[in-house]
N, C-alpha and C. Protein backbone atom coordinates (compact mmCIF):
# COMPACT_ATOMS: atom_id res chain seq x y z
N MET A 1 -45.96 -45.84 32.65
CA MET A 1 -44.69 -45.83 33.38
C MET A 1 -43.50 -45.83 32.41
N LYS A 2 -43.59 -46.65 31.38
CA LYS A 2 -42.51 -46.67 30.41
C LYS A 2 -42.36 -45.32 29.73
N PHE A 3 -43.46 -44.68 29.45
CA PHE A 3 -43.42 -43.37 28.81
C PHE A 3 -42.71 -42.36 29.68
N ARG A 4 -43.00 -42.40 30.99
CA ARG A 4 -42.37 -41.45 31.91
C ARG A 4 -40.85 -41.68 31.98
N ILE A 5 -40.44 -42.93 32.00
CA ILE A 5 -39.01 -43.22 32.05
C ILE A 5 -38.29 -42.70 30.82
N LEU A 6 -38.85 -42.94 29.66
CA LEU A 6 -38.25 -42.48 28.42
C LEU A 6 -38.23 -40.96 28.36
N PHE A 7 -39.21 -40.34 28.93
CA PHE A 7 -39.31 -38.88 28.88
C PHE A 7 -38.31 -38.23 29.82
N LEU A 8 -38.13 -38.83 31.02
CA LEU A 8 -37.27 -38.21 32.02
C LEU A 8 -35.79 -38.53 31.80
N TYR A 9 -35.49 -39.63 31.12
CA TYR A 9 -34.10 -40.05 30.97
C TYR A 9 -33.21 -39.00 30.33
N PRO A 10 -33.60 -38.40 29.18
CA PRO A 10 -32.72 -37.37 28.60
C PRO A 10 -32.51 -36.20 29.53
N PHE A 11 -33.59 -35.82 30.25
CA PHE A 11 -33.47 -34.69 31.18
C PHE A 11 -32.52 -35.02 32.31
N PHE A 12 -32.62 -36.27 32.83
CA PHE A 12 -31.73 -36.71 33.89
C PHE A 12 -30.28 -36.73 33.42
N PHE A 13 -30.06 -37.18 32.19
CA PHE A 13 -28.71 -37.22 31.62
C PHE A 13 -28.12 -35.82 31.51
N LEU A 14 -28.93 -34.86 31.11
CA LEU A 14 -28.45 -33.49 30.99
C LEU A 14 -28.07 -32.92 32.35
N LEU A 15 -28.85 -33.23 33.37
CA LEU A 15 -28.53 -32.77 34.71
C LEU A 15 -27.21 -33.34 35.18
N CYS A 16 -26.99 -34.64 34.92
CA CYS A 16 -25.73 -35.27 35.32
C CYS A 16 -24.55 -34.67 34.57
N ALA A 17 -24.73 -34.45 33.27
CA ALA A 17 -23.66 -33.86 32.46
C ALA A 17 -23.29 -32.49 32.96
N ALA A 18 -24.32 -31.70 33.31
CA ALA A 18 -24.06 -30.35 33.81
C ALA A 18 -23.33 -30.40 35.14
N ALA A 19 -23.63 -31.43 35.95
CA ALA A 19 -23.00 -31.52 37.26
C ALA A 19 -21.55 -31.98 37.15
N VAL A 20 -21.25 -32.82 36.17
CA VAL A 20 -19.92 -33.41 36.05
C VAL A 20 -18.96 -32.52 35.28
N PHE A 21 -19.48 -31.76 34.31
CA PHE A 21 -18.61 -31.01 33.42
C PHE A 21 -18.83 -29.49 33.47
N PRO A 22 -18.95 -28.89 34.64
CA PRO A 22 -19.15 -27.44 34.67
C PRO A 22 -17.83 -26.71 34.50
N ASP A 23 -17.89 -25.48 33.95
CA ASP A 23 -16.72 -24.62 33.99
C ASP A 23 -16.53 -24.20 35.44
N GLN A 24 -15.29 -24.05 35.86
CA GLN A 24 -14.98 -23.78 37.26
C GLN A 24 -14.40 -22.37 37.41
N LEU A 25 -15.14 -21.49 38.10
CA LEU A 25 -14.62 -20.16 38.37
C LEU A 25 -13.44 -20.30 39.31
N TYR A 26 -12.28 -19.84 38.85
CA TYR A 26 -11.05 -20.00 39.62
C TYR A 26 -10.80 -18.77 40.49
N LYS A 27 -10.73 -17.61 39.86
CA LYS A 27 -10.52 -16.36 40.60
C LYS A 27 -11.23 -15.22 39.88
N SER A 28 -11.61 -14.22 40.65
CA SER A 28 -12.26 -13.05 40.05
C SER A 28 -11.64 -11.78 40.62
N ASN A 29 -11.71 -10.71 39.83
CA ASN A 29 -11.17 -9.40 40.22
C ASN A 29 -9.67 -9.47 40.50
N VAL A 30 -8.96 -10.22 39.65
CA VAL A 30 -7.50 -10.27 39.72
C VAL A 30 -6.92 -9.55 38.50
N THR A 31 -5.64 -9.25 38.54
CA THR A 31 -5.03 -8.42 37.49
C THR A 31 -4.36 -9.27 36.43
N ALA A 32 -4.70 -8.96 35.18
CA ALA A 32 -4.05 -9.58 34.02
C ALA A 32 -3.15 -8.55 33.34
N SER A 33 -2.04 -9.03 32.81
CA SER A 33 -1.15 -8.21 31.99
C SER A 33 -0.82 -9.02 30.75
N TYR A 34 0.05 -8.47 29.89
CA TYR A 34 0.41 -9.24 28.70
C TYR A 34 1.89 -9.09 28.39
N TYR A 35 2.43 -10.06 27.66
CA TYR A 35 3.81 -9.98 27.18
C TYR A 35 3.84 -10.33 25.70
N ALA A 36 4.78 -9.70 24.98
CA ALA A 36 4.70 -9.80 23.52
C ALA A 36 6.08 -9.82 22.88
N ASP A 37 6.38 -8.78 22.09
CA ASP A 37 7.52 -8.76 21.17
C ASP A 37 8.84 -9.19 21.79
N LYS A 38 9.14 -8.68 22.96
CA LYS A 38 10.43 -8.94 23.60
C LYS A 38 10.65 -10.43 23.85
N PHE A 39 9.57 -11.16 24.10
CA PHE A 39 9.68 -12.57 24.45
C PHE A 39 9.32 -13.50 23.30
N ASN A 40 8.92 -12.94 22.17
CA ASN A 40 8.48 -13.77 21.06
C ASN A 40 9.61 -14.69 20.58
N GLY A 41 9.33 -15.98 20.51
CA GLY A 41 10.33 -16.94 20.07
C GLY A 41 11.18 -17.53 21.18
N ARG A 42 11.08 -16.99 22.38
CA ARG A 42 11.85 -17.54 23.49
C ARG A 42 11.19 -18.80 24.04
N MET A 43 11.97 -19.59 24.76
CA MET A 43 11.46 -20.81 25.35
C MET A 43 10.53 -20.49 26.50
N THR A 44 9.37 -21.15 26.52
CA THR A 44 8.47 -21.04 27.65
C THR A 44 8.83 -22.11 28.68
N SER A 45 8.19 -22.05 29.82
CA SER A 45 8.56 -22.96 30.91
C SER A 45 8.18 -24.41 30.65
N ASN A 46 7.30 -24.66 29.70
CA ASN A 46 6.98 -26.06 29.38
C ASN A 46 7.76 -26.57 28.18
N GLY A 47 8.72 -25.75 27.69
CA GLY A 47 9.60 -26.19 26.61
C GLY A 47 9.17 -25.78 25.23
N GLU A 48 8.02 -25.08 25.10
CA GLU A 48 7.59 -24.58 23.80
C GLU A 48 8.28 -23.24 23.51
N ARG A 49 8.18 -22.82 22.28
CA ARG A 49 8.60 -21.47 21.92
C ARG A 49 7.41 -20.53 22.04
N PHE A 50 7.62 -19.40 22.71
CA PHE A 50 6.52 -18.45 22.88
C PHE A 50 6.15 -17.84 21.55
N ASN A 51 4.87 -17.88 21.23
CA ASN A 51 4.33 -17.27 20.03
C ASN A 51 3.31 -16.23 20.46
N MET A 52 3.67 -14.96 20.31
CA MET A 52 2.79 -13.91 20.80
C MET A 52 1.47 -13.84 20.04
N ASN A 53 1.39 -14.51 18.89
CA ASN A 53 0.17 -14.49 18.09
C ASN A 53 -0.73 -15.70 18.38
N ALA A 54 -0.31 -16.56 19.31
CA ALA A 54 -1.13 -17.70 19.73
C ALA A 54 -1.87 -17.34 21.02
N LEU A 55 -2.94 -18.04 21.30
CA LEU A 55 -3.74 -17.75 22.49
C LEU A 55 -3.22 -18.59 23.66
N THR A 56 -2.17 -18.08 24.30
CA THR A 56 -1.55 -18.76 25.43
C THR A 56 -1.37 -17.77 26.57
N ALA A 57 -0.91 -18.29 27.71
CA ALA A 57 -0.72 -17.42 28.87
C ALA A 57 0.26 -18.04 29.85
N ALA A 58 0.76 -17.19 30.74
CA ALA A 58 1.64 -17.63 31.82
C ALA A 58 0.91 -17.50 33.15
N HIS A 59 1.06 -18.52 33.99
CA HIS A 59 0.49 -18.49 35.34
C HIS A 59 1.46 -19.21 36.27
N LYS A 60 1.47 -18.81 37.53
CA LYS A 60 2.47 -19.36 38.44
C LYS A 60 2.18 -20.79 38.88
N THR A 61 0.91 -21.18 38.99
CA THR A 61 0.59 -22.48 39.59
C THR A 61 -0.29 -23.39 38.76
N LEU A 62 -1.10 -22.88 37.86
CA LEU A 62 -1.99 -23.74 37.10
C LEU A 62 -1.19 -24.72 36.25
N PRO A 63 -1.59 -25.98 36.19
CA PRO A 63 -0.84 -26.97 35.40
C PRO A 63 -0.74 -26.57 33.94
N PHE A 64 0.38 -26.93 33.31
CA PHE A 64 0.54 -26.68 31.89
C PHE A 64 -0.61 -27.33 31.11
N ASN A 65 -1.03 -26.63 30.06
CA ASN A 65 -2.11 -27.05 29.17
C ASN A 65 -3.50 -26.89 29.77
N THR A 66 -3.59 -26.32 30.98
CA THR A 66 -4.91 -25.94 31.48
C THR A 66 -5.50 -24.87 30.57
N VAL A 67 -6.76 -25.03 30.21
CA VAL A 67 -7.44 -24.06 29.35
C VAL A 67 -8.26 -23.14 30.24
N VAL A 68 -8.04 -21.84 30.11
CA VAL A 68 -8.65 -20.85 30.99
C VAL A 68 -9.39 -19.79 30.16
N LYS A 69 -10.60 -19.50 30.57
CA LYS A 69 -11.34 -18.39 29.97
C LYS A 69 -11.07 -17.14 30.79
N VAL A 70 -10.52 -16.12 30.15
CA VAL A 70 -10.19 -14.86 30.81
C VAL A 70 -11.22 -13.82 30.37
N THR A 71 -11.85 -13.18 31.34
CA THR A 71 -12.87 -12.17 31.04
C THR A 71 -12.46 -10.83 31.61
N ASN A 72 -12.39 -9.82 30.77
CA ASN A 72 -12.07 -8.46 31.19
C ASN A 72 -13.31 -7.89 31.87
N LEU A 73 -13.22 -7.64 33.16
CA LEU A 73 -14.37 -7.16 33.92
C LEU A 73 -14.73 -5.72 33.58
N GLY A 74 -13.82 -5.01 32.93
CA GLY A 74 -14.09 -3.62 32.56
C GLY A 74 -14.91 -3.46 31.30
N ASN A 75 -14.75 -4.41 30.35
CA ASN A 75 -15.48 -4.28 29.08
C ASN A 75 -16.26 -5.53 28.68
N GLY A 76 -16.16 -6.59 29.49
CA GLY A 76 -16.93 -7.80 29.22
C GLY A 76 -16.34 -8.70 28.16
N LYS A 77 -15.21 -8.34 27.57
CA LYS A 77 -14.61 -9.16 26.52
C LYS A 77 -13.91 -10.38 27.13
N SER A 78 -13.98 -11.51 26.41
CA SER A 78 -13.40 -12.76 26.91
C SER A 78 -12.53 -13.41 25.85
N VAL A 79 -11.59 -14.23 26.33
CA VAL A 79 -10.76 -15.03 25.43
C VAL A 79 -10.36 -16.31 26.18
N THR A 80 -10.19 -17.38 25.45
CA THR A 80 -9.76 -18.65 26.04
C THR A 80 -8.30 -18.88 25.69
N VAL A 81 -7.48 -19.15 26.71
CA VAL A 81 -6.04 -19.33 26.53
C VAL A 81 -5.60 -20.64 27.14
N ARG A 82 -4.43 -21.11 26.72
CA ARG A 82 -3.82 -22.32 27.26
C ARG A 82 -2.56 -21.95 28.03
N ILE A 83 -2.42 -22.48 29.23
CA ILE A 83 -1.26 -22.17 30.06
C ILE A 83 -0.04 -22.96 29.56
N ASN A 84 1.01 -22.24 29.17
CA ASN A 84 2.24 -22.92 28.73
C ASN A 84 3.50 -22.26 29.29
N ASP A 85 3.34 -21.34 30.26
CA ASP A 85 4.50 -20.63 30.79
C ASP A 85 4.26 -20.29 32.25
N ARG A 86 5.32 -19.89 32.95
CA ARG A 86 5.22 -19.48 34.35
C ARG A 86 5.39 -17.96 34.46
N GLY A 87 4.66 -17.38 35.38
CA GLY A 87 4.64 -15.94 35.59
C GLY A 87 3.20 -15.51 35.78
N PRO A 88 2.92 -14.23 35.87
CA PRO A 88 3.89 -13.13 35.98
C PRO A 88 4.48 -13.07 37.39
N PHE A 89 5.68 -12.54 37.48
CA PHE A 89 6.34 -12.43 38.76
C PHE A 89 6.41 -10.98 39.25
N VAL A 90 5.52 -10.15 38.71
CA VAL A 90 5.35 -8.78 39.20
C VAL A 90 4.26 -8.83 40.27
N ALA A 91 4.54 -8.23 41.40
CA ALA A 91 3.60 -8.28 42.53
C ALA A 91 2.22 -7.79 42.11
N GLY A 92 1.20 -8.52 42.55
CA GLY A 92 -0.17 -8.11 42.31
C GLY A 92 -0.77 -8.57 41.00
N ARG A 93 0.02 -9.25 40.15
CA ARG A 93 -0.50 -9.72 38.87
C ARG A 93 -0.73 -11.22 38.91
N GLU A 94 -1.83 -11.65 38.32
CA GLU A 94 -2.24 -13.05 38.38
C GLU A 94 -1.90 -13.83 37.13
N ILE A 95 -2.03 -13.21 35.95
CA ILE A 95 -1.84 -13.94 34.70
C ILE A 95 -1.26 -13.01 33.64
N ASP A 96 -0.36 -13.55 32.83
CA ASP A 96 0.23 -12.84 31.69
C ASP A 96 -0.30 -13.51 30.43
N VAL A 97 -1.03 -12.77 29.61
CA VAL A 97 -1.56 -13.36 28.38
C VAL A 97 -0.71 -12.92 27.19
N SER A 98 -0.82 -13.66 26.10
CA SER A 98 -0.08 -13.33 24.88
C SER A 98 -0.66 -12.06 24.25
N LYS A 99 0.05 -11.54 23.26
CA LYS A 99 -0.41 -10.34 22.57
C LYS A 99 -1.75 -10.58 21.88
N ALA A 100 -1.89 -11.74 21.25
CA ALA A 100 -3.15 -12.05 20.57
C ALA A 100 -4.31 -12.04 21.55
N ALA A 101 -4.10 -12.63 22.73
CA ALA A 101 -5.15 -12.63 23.74
C ALA A 101 -5.41 -11.22 24.28
N ALA A 102 -4.34 -10.43 24.43
CA ALA A 102 -4.49 -9.06 24.91
C ALA A 102 -5.31 -8.21 23.96
N VAL A 103 -5.10 -8.41 22.66
CA VAL A 103 -5.87 -7.67 21.67
C VAL A 103 -7.36 -7.99 21.82
N THR A 104 -7.67 -9.27 21.97
CA THR A 104 -9.07 -9.69 22.12
C THR A 104 -9.68 -9.12 23.38
N LEU A 105 -8.90 -9.06 24.46
CA LEU A 105 -9.40 -8.56 25.74
C LEU A 105 -9.43 -7.04 25.83
N GLY A 106 -8.80 -6.36 24.89
CA GLY A 106 -8.73 -4.90 24.96
C GLY A 106 -7.70 -4.40 25.94
N LEU A 107 -6.56 -5.12 26.07
CA LEU A 107 -5.51 -4.76 27.02
C LEU A 107 -4.41 -3.90 26.42
N MET A 108 -4.39 -3.75 25.12
CA MET A 108 -3.23 -3.14 24.48
C MET A 108 -3.01 -1.69 24.89
N GLN A 109 -4.07 -0.98 25.17
CA GLN A 109 -3.92 0.43 25.55
C GLN A 109 -3.64 0.57 27.05
N THR A 110 -4.31 -0.23 27.86
CA THR A 110 -4.18 -0.08 29.31
C THR A 110 -3.01 -0.87 29.89
N GLY A 111 -2.65 -1.97 29.24
CA GLY A 111 -1.54 -2.79 29.73
C GLY A 111 -1.98 -3.82 30.76
N THR A 112 -2.88 -3.45 31.63
CA THR A 112 -3.41 -4.38 32.64
C THR A 112 -4.92 -4.19 32.75
N ALA A 113 -5.59 -5.15 33.35
CA ALA A 113 -7.03 -5.04 33.57
C ALA A 113 -7.44 -6.02 34.66
N LYS A 114 -8.54 -5.72 35.32
CA LYS A 114 -9.11 -6.65 36.27
C LYS A 114 -9.92 -7.69 35.50
N VAL A 115 -9.69 -8.97 35.82
CA VAL A 115 -10.32 -10.04 35.06
C VAL A 115 -10.84 -11.11 36.01
N SER A 116 -11.66 -11.99 35.45
CA SER A 116 -12.02 -13.24 36.12
C SER A 116 -11.41 -14.38 35.33
N LEU A 117 -11.08 -15.47 36.01
CA LEU A 117 -10.49 -16.65 35.39
C LEU A 117 -11.40 -17.84 35.63
N THR A 118 -11.80 -18.50 34.56
CA THR A 118 -12.65 -19.68 34.65
C THR A 118 -11.92 -20.87 34.02
N ILE A 119 -11.81 -21.95 34.77
CA ILE A 119 -11.14 -23.13 34.26
C ILE A 119 -12.09 -23.87 33.32
N VAL A 120 -11.69 -23.97 32.06
CA VAL A 120 -12.51 -24.66 31.05
C VAL A 120 -12.11 -26.13 30.96
N ASN A 121 -10.81 -26.39 31.08
CA ASN A 121 -10.32 -27.76 30.97
C ASN A 121 -9.06 -27.88 31.81
N GLY A 122 -9.09 -28.71 32.84
CA GLY A 122 -7.94 -28.85 33.70
C GLY A 122 -8.34 -28.73 35.15
N SER A 123 -7.36 -28.54 36.01
CA SER A 123 -7.60 -28.48 37.45
C SER A 123 -7.01 -27.21 38.03
N ALA A 124 -7.76 -26.60 38.95
CA ALA A 124 -7.28 -25.38 39.59
C ALA A 124 -6.71 -25.64 40.97
N SER A 125 -6.69 -26.90 41.38
CA SER A 125 -6.29 -27.20 42.74
C SER A 125 -4.79 -27.02 42.93
N THR A 126 -4.41 -26.45 44.05
CA THR A 126 -3.01 -26.35 44.44
C THR A 126 -2.94 -26.29 45.95
N SER A 127 -2.02 -27.03 46.54
CA SER A 127 -1.93 -27.08 48.00
C SER A 127 -0.80 -26.22 48.51
N GLU A 128 -0.13 -25.49 47.63
CA GLU A 128 1.06 -24.74 48.02
C GLU A 128 0.82 -23.25 47.94
N ASN A 129 1.30 -22.54 48.94
CA ASN A 129 1.22 -21.09 48.94
C ASN A 129 2.20 -20.54 47.90
N VAL A 130 1.67 -19.73 46.97
CA VAL A 130 2.52 -19.23 45.88
C VAL A 130 3.71 -18.46 46.41
N ASP A 131 3.51 -17.66 47.46
CA ASP A 131 4.61 -16.85 47.99
C ASP A 131 5.73 -17.71 48.57
N ASP A 132 5.39 -18.92 48.99
CA ASP A 132 6.39 -19.81 49.58
C ASP A 132 7.07 -20.71 48.55
N MET A 133 6.61 -20.66 47.31
CA MET A 133 7.18 -21.52 46.27
C MET A 133 8.59 -21.07 45.90
N GLN A 134 9.39 -22.02 45.45
CA GLN A 134 10.74 -21.72 44.98
C GLN A 134 10.86 -22.09 43.51
N TRP A 135 11.68 -21.30 42.80
CA TRP A 135 11.80 -21.45 41.36
C TRP A 135 13.26 -21.54 40.96
N ASP A 136 13.51 -22.20 39.84
CA ASP A 136 14.82 -22.21 39.20
C ASP A 136 14.71 -21.47 37.88
N ILE A 137 15.73 -20.73 37.53
CA ILE A 137 15.80 -20.07 36.22
C ILE A 137 16.90 -20.77 35.43
N GLN A 138 16.49 -21.55 34.45
CA GLN A 138 17.47 -22.26 33.62
C GLN A 138 18.04 -21.32 32.57
N ILE A 139 19.36 -21.28 32.48
CA ILE A 139 20.04 -20.39 31.54
C ILE A 139 20.50 -21.14 30.30
N GLY A 140 20.87 -22.41 30.46
CA GLY A 140 21.34 -23.15 29.30
C GLY A 140 21.34 -24.65 29.57
N ALA A 141 21.36 -25.44 28.49
CA ALA A 141 21.43 -26.90 28.58
C ALA A 141 22.48 -27.38 27.59
N TYR A 142 23.39 -28.23 28.05
CA TYR A 142 24.56 -28.59 27.25
C TYR A 142 24.83 -30.09 27.32
N THR A 143 25.46 -30.60 26.28
CA THR A 143 25.96 -31.98 26.27
C THR A 143 27.47 -32.01 26.43
N VAL A 144 28.11 -30.86 26.23
CA VAL A 144 29.57 -30.75 26.40
C VAL A 144 29.85 -30.09 27.74
N PRO A 145 30.50 -30.78 28.67
CA PRO A 145 30.74 -30.23 30.01
C PRO A 145 31.46 -28.89 30.00
N GLU A 146 32.41 -28.72 29.07
CA GLU A 146 33.16 -27.46 29.01
C GLU A 146 32.24 -26.27 28.73
N ASN A 147 31.23 -26.48 27.88
CA ASN A 147 30.30 -25.40 27.58
C ASN A 147 29.45 -25.05 28.80
N ALA A 148 29.06 -26.07 29.55
CA ALA A 148 28.31 -25.84 30.78
C ALA A 148 29.17 -25.07 31.78
N ASP A 149 30.44 -25.46 31.89
CA ASP A 149 31.35 -24.75 32.80
C ASP A 149 31.51 -23.29 32.39
N ASN A 150 31.61 -23.03 31.12
CA ASN A 150 31.78 -21.65 30.64
C ASN A 150 30.57 -20.80 31.03
N MET A 151 29.35 -21.34 30.87
CA MET A 151 28.17 -20.57 31.23
C MET A 151 28.11 -20.35 32.74
N ALA A 152 28.45 -21.38 33.52
CA ALA A 152 28.46 -21.23 34.96
C ALA A 152 29.43 -20.13 35.39
N GLN A 153 30.61 -20.09 34.77
CA GLN A 153 31.59 -19.08 35.11
C GLN A 153 31.12 -17.67 34.72
N ARG A 154 30.44 -17.57 33.59
CA ARG A 154 29.88 -16.26 33.17
C ARG A 154 28.89 -15.75 34.20
N LEU A 155 28.05 -16.63 34.69
CA LEU A 155 27.05 -16.23 35.68
C LEU A 155 27.70 -15.84 37.00
N LEU A 156 28.71 -16.59 37.40
CA LEU A 156 29.42 -16.26 38.64
C LEU A 156 30.11 -14.91 38.52
N LYS A 157 30.74 -14.66 37.38
CA LYS A 157 31.41 -13.37 37.17
C LYS A 157 30.42 -12.22 37.12
N ALA A 158 29.18 -12.52 36.73
CA ALA A 158 28.14 -11.48 36.68
C ALA A 158 27.56 -11.20 38.05
N GLY A 159 27.98 -11.96 39.05
CA GLY A 159 27.56 -11.67 40.42
C GLY A 159 26.52 -12.61 40.99
N PHE A 160 26.13 -13.63 40.25
CA PHE A 160 25.13 -14.57 40.76
C PHE A 160 25.82 -15.64 41.61
N THR A 161 25.29 -15.88 42.79
CA THR A 161 25.92 -16.80 43.73
C THR A 161 25.19 -18.14 43.85
N ASN A 162 24.01 -18.26 43.24
CA ASN A 162 23.22 -19.49 43.37
C ASN A 162 23.21 -20.28 42.07
N VAL A 163 24.37 -20.37 41.42
CA VAL A 163 24.50 -21.11 40.17
C VAL A 163 24.63 -22.60 40.48
N VAL A 164 23.83 -23.43 39.81
CA VAL A 164 23.88 -24.87 40.05
C VAL A 164 23.96 -25.63 38.72
N TYR A 165 24.50 -26.84 38.81
CA TYR A 165 24.50 -27.80 37.70
C TYR A 165 23.36 -28.79 37.96
N GLN A 166 22.55 -29.03 36.95
CA GLN A 166 21.48 -30.01 37.06
C GLN A 166 21.63 -31.01 35.92
N LYS A 167 22.04 -32.21 36.28
CA LYS A 167 22.36 -33.20 35.25
C LYS A 167 21.24 -34.22 35.11
N LYS A 168 20.86 -34.50 33.87
CA LYS A 168 19.86 -35.53 33.57
C LYS A 168 20.33 -36.26 32.31
N GLY A 169 20.78 -37.49 32.49
CA GLY A 169 21.34 -38.22 31.37
C GLY A 169 22.60 -37.53 30.89
N ARG A 170 22.66 -37.24 29.60
CA ARG A 170 23.81 -36.56 29.02
C ARG A 170 23.67 -35.04 29.05
N ILE A 171 22.51 -34.56 29.49
CA ILE A 171 22.25 -33.12 29.47
C ILE A 171 22.66 -32.49 30.79
N ILE A 172 23.43 -31.42 30.71
CA ILE A 172 23.82 -30.64 31.88
C ILE A 172 23.15 -29.27 31.79
N ARG A 173 22.27 -29.00 32.74
CA ARG A 173 21.58 -27.72 32.76
C ARG A 173 22.24 -26.80 33.77
N ILE A 174 22.40 -25.54 33.37
CA ILE A 174 22.94 -24.51 34.27
C ILE A 174 21.78 -23.60 34.66
N ALA A 175 21.61 -23.43 35.97
CA ALA A 175 20.46 -22.67 36.45
C ALA A 175 20.82 -21.83 37.67
N LEU A 176 19.99 -20.82 37.90
CA LEU A 176 20.00 -20.09 39.16
C LEU A 176 18.92 -20.74 40.01
N SER A 177 19.27 -21.18 41.20
CA SER A 177 18.42 -22.09 41.95
C SER A 177 17.77 -21.48 43.18
N SER A 178 16.60 -22.04 43.53
CA SER A 178 15.92 -21.79 44.81
C SER A 178 15.59 -20.31 45.02
N ILE A 179 14.83 -19.76 44.09
CA ILE A 179 14.46 -18.35 44.15
C ILE A 179 13.00 -18.23 44.58
N ARG A 180 12.74 -17.45 45.60
CA ARG A 180 11.37 -17.25 46.07
C ARG A 180 10.56 -16.48 45.03
N THR A 181 9.25 -16.70 45.04
CA THR A 181 8.37 -16.08 44.05
C THR A 181 8.57 -14.58 43.95
N GLY A 182 8.62 -13.92 45.09
CA GLY A 182 8.71 -12.46 45.08
C GLY A 182 10.01 -11.90 44.55
N LYS A 183 11.02 -12.77 44.37
CA LYS A 183 12.32 -12.30 43.90
C LYS A 183 12.61 -12.70 42.46
N VAL A 184 11.73 -13.50 41.85
CA VAL A 184 11.99 -13.98 40.51
C VAL A 184 12.12 -12.85 39.51
N GLN A 185 11.20 -11.90 39.54
CA GLN A 185 11.23 -10.82 38.56
C GLN A 185 12.51 -9.99 38.67
N ALA A 186 12.99 -9.77 39.89
CA ALA A 186 14.24 -9.03 40.07
C ALA A 186 15.41 -9.79 39.44
N TYR A 187 15.43 -11.10 39.58
CA TYR A 187 16.46 -11.92 38.94
C TYR A 187 16.38 -11.80 37.42
N LEU A 188 15.15 -11.87 36.90
CA LEU A 188 14.99 -11.79 35.45
C LEU A 188 15.45 -10.43 34.92
N ASP A 189 15.13 -9.37 35.65
CA ASP A 189 15.56 -8.03 35.23
C ASP A 189 17.09 -7.93 35.24
N THR A 190 17.70 -8.50 36.27
CA THR A 190 19.16 -8.46 36.36
C THR A 190 19.80 -9.28 35.24
N LEU A 191 19.25 -10.45 34.97
CA LEU A 191 19.76 -11.27 33.86
C LEU A 191 19.69 -10.50 32.55
N GLU A 192 18.55 -9.86 32.29
CA GLU A 192 18.38 -9.08 31.05
C GLU A 192 19.42 -7.98 30.97
N SER A 193 19.64 -7.28 32.08
CA SER A 193 20.57 -6.15 32.08
C SER A 193 22.01 -6.59 31.84
N LYS A 194 22.31 -7.84 32.15
CA LYS A 194 23.67 -8.37 31.98
C LYS A 194 23.82 -9.19 30.70
N GLY A 195 22.78 -9.18 29.87
CA GLY A 195 22.87 -9.81 28.56
C GLY A 195 22.46 -11.27 28.49
N PHE A 196 21.89 -11.80 29.56
CA PHE A 196 21.39 -13.18 29.55
C PHE A 196 19.90 -13.16 29.20
N THR A 197 19.61 -13.40 27.95
CA THR A 197 18.22 -13.27 27.50
C THR A 197 17.57 -14.60 27.12
N ASP A 198 18.34 -15.68 27.13
CA ASP A 198 17.80 -16.99 26.79
C ASP A 198 17.65 -17.80 28.07
N TYR A 199 16.46 -17.82 28.64
CA TYR A 199 16.21 -18.49 29.91
C TYR A 199 14.75 -18.91 29.97
N TYR A 200 14.46 -19.79 30.90
CA TYR A 200 13.07 -20.03 31.26
C TYR A 200 12.95 -20.47 32.70
N VAL A 201 11.79 -20.18 33.26
CA VAL A 201 11.55 -20.37 34.68
C VAL A 201 10.73 -21.64 34.90
N HIS A 202 11.14 -22.44 35.88
CA HIS A 202 10.33 -23.59 36.25
C HIS A 202 10.35 -23.78 37.75
N LYS A 203 9.31 -24.42 38.24
CA LYS A 203 9.19 -24.63 39.67
C LYS A 203 10.31 -25.53 40.16
N ARG A 204 10.85 -25.18 41.34
CA ARG A 204 11.92 -25.97 41.96
C ARG A 204 11.38 -27.33 42.34
N ILE A 205 12.05 -28.39 41.93
CA ILE A 205 11.62 -29.75 42.25
C ILE A 205 12.33 -30.26 43.51
């Protein structure tokens, strides 16, 4: 009897470990794209600087620092990335990977590909419909009120009507507020066309 217990215990432990720590298939047959040079060095939505040579990605709902295995269903190539940004906000796209990840996946020529997403570390749960989510686009953060006012006036003169002040301690943030998911990319394109290139997107609180 003792022999049987000692023999089965490691096997039982392995079964428990497999049950508790499995990779979680999140989505399959969704579209991945990539972003690179134009955004390199800009602030990501979690406050980091985007490094196109690091293995990171943007997703609309997965928590920051979730580790995701992305597999190109067309060629079988895979890469593991960390979520540190929000997007993509182009209809029909699920995830934006960095240039380094795109190279590994074989996306550089095609630009997009059908992929599967597997959660390696983190949680895939979300109770909110992505299309119903609202976002803020932060344009600047200031400690001097006059500088915040100047940016707000620039945005108003550029035709934006949803300019808000968001104050936290001594920091005054100027943002475009309460933007639906489907309209975020249009806002970003308009900002770019009007010379506002230093921004980042975060979920409306």
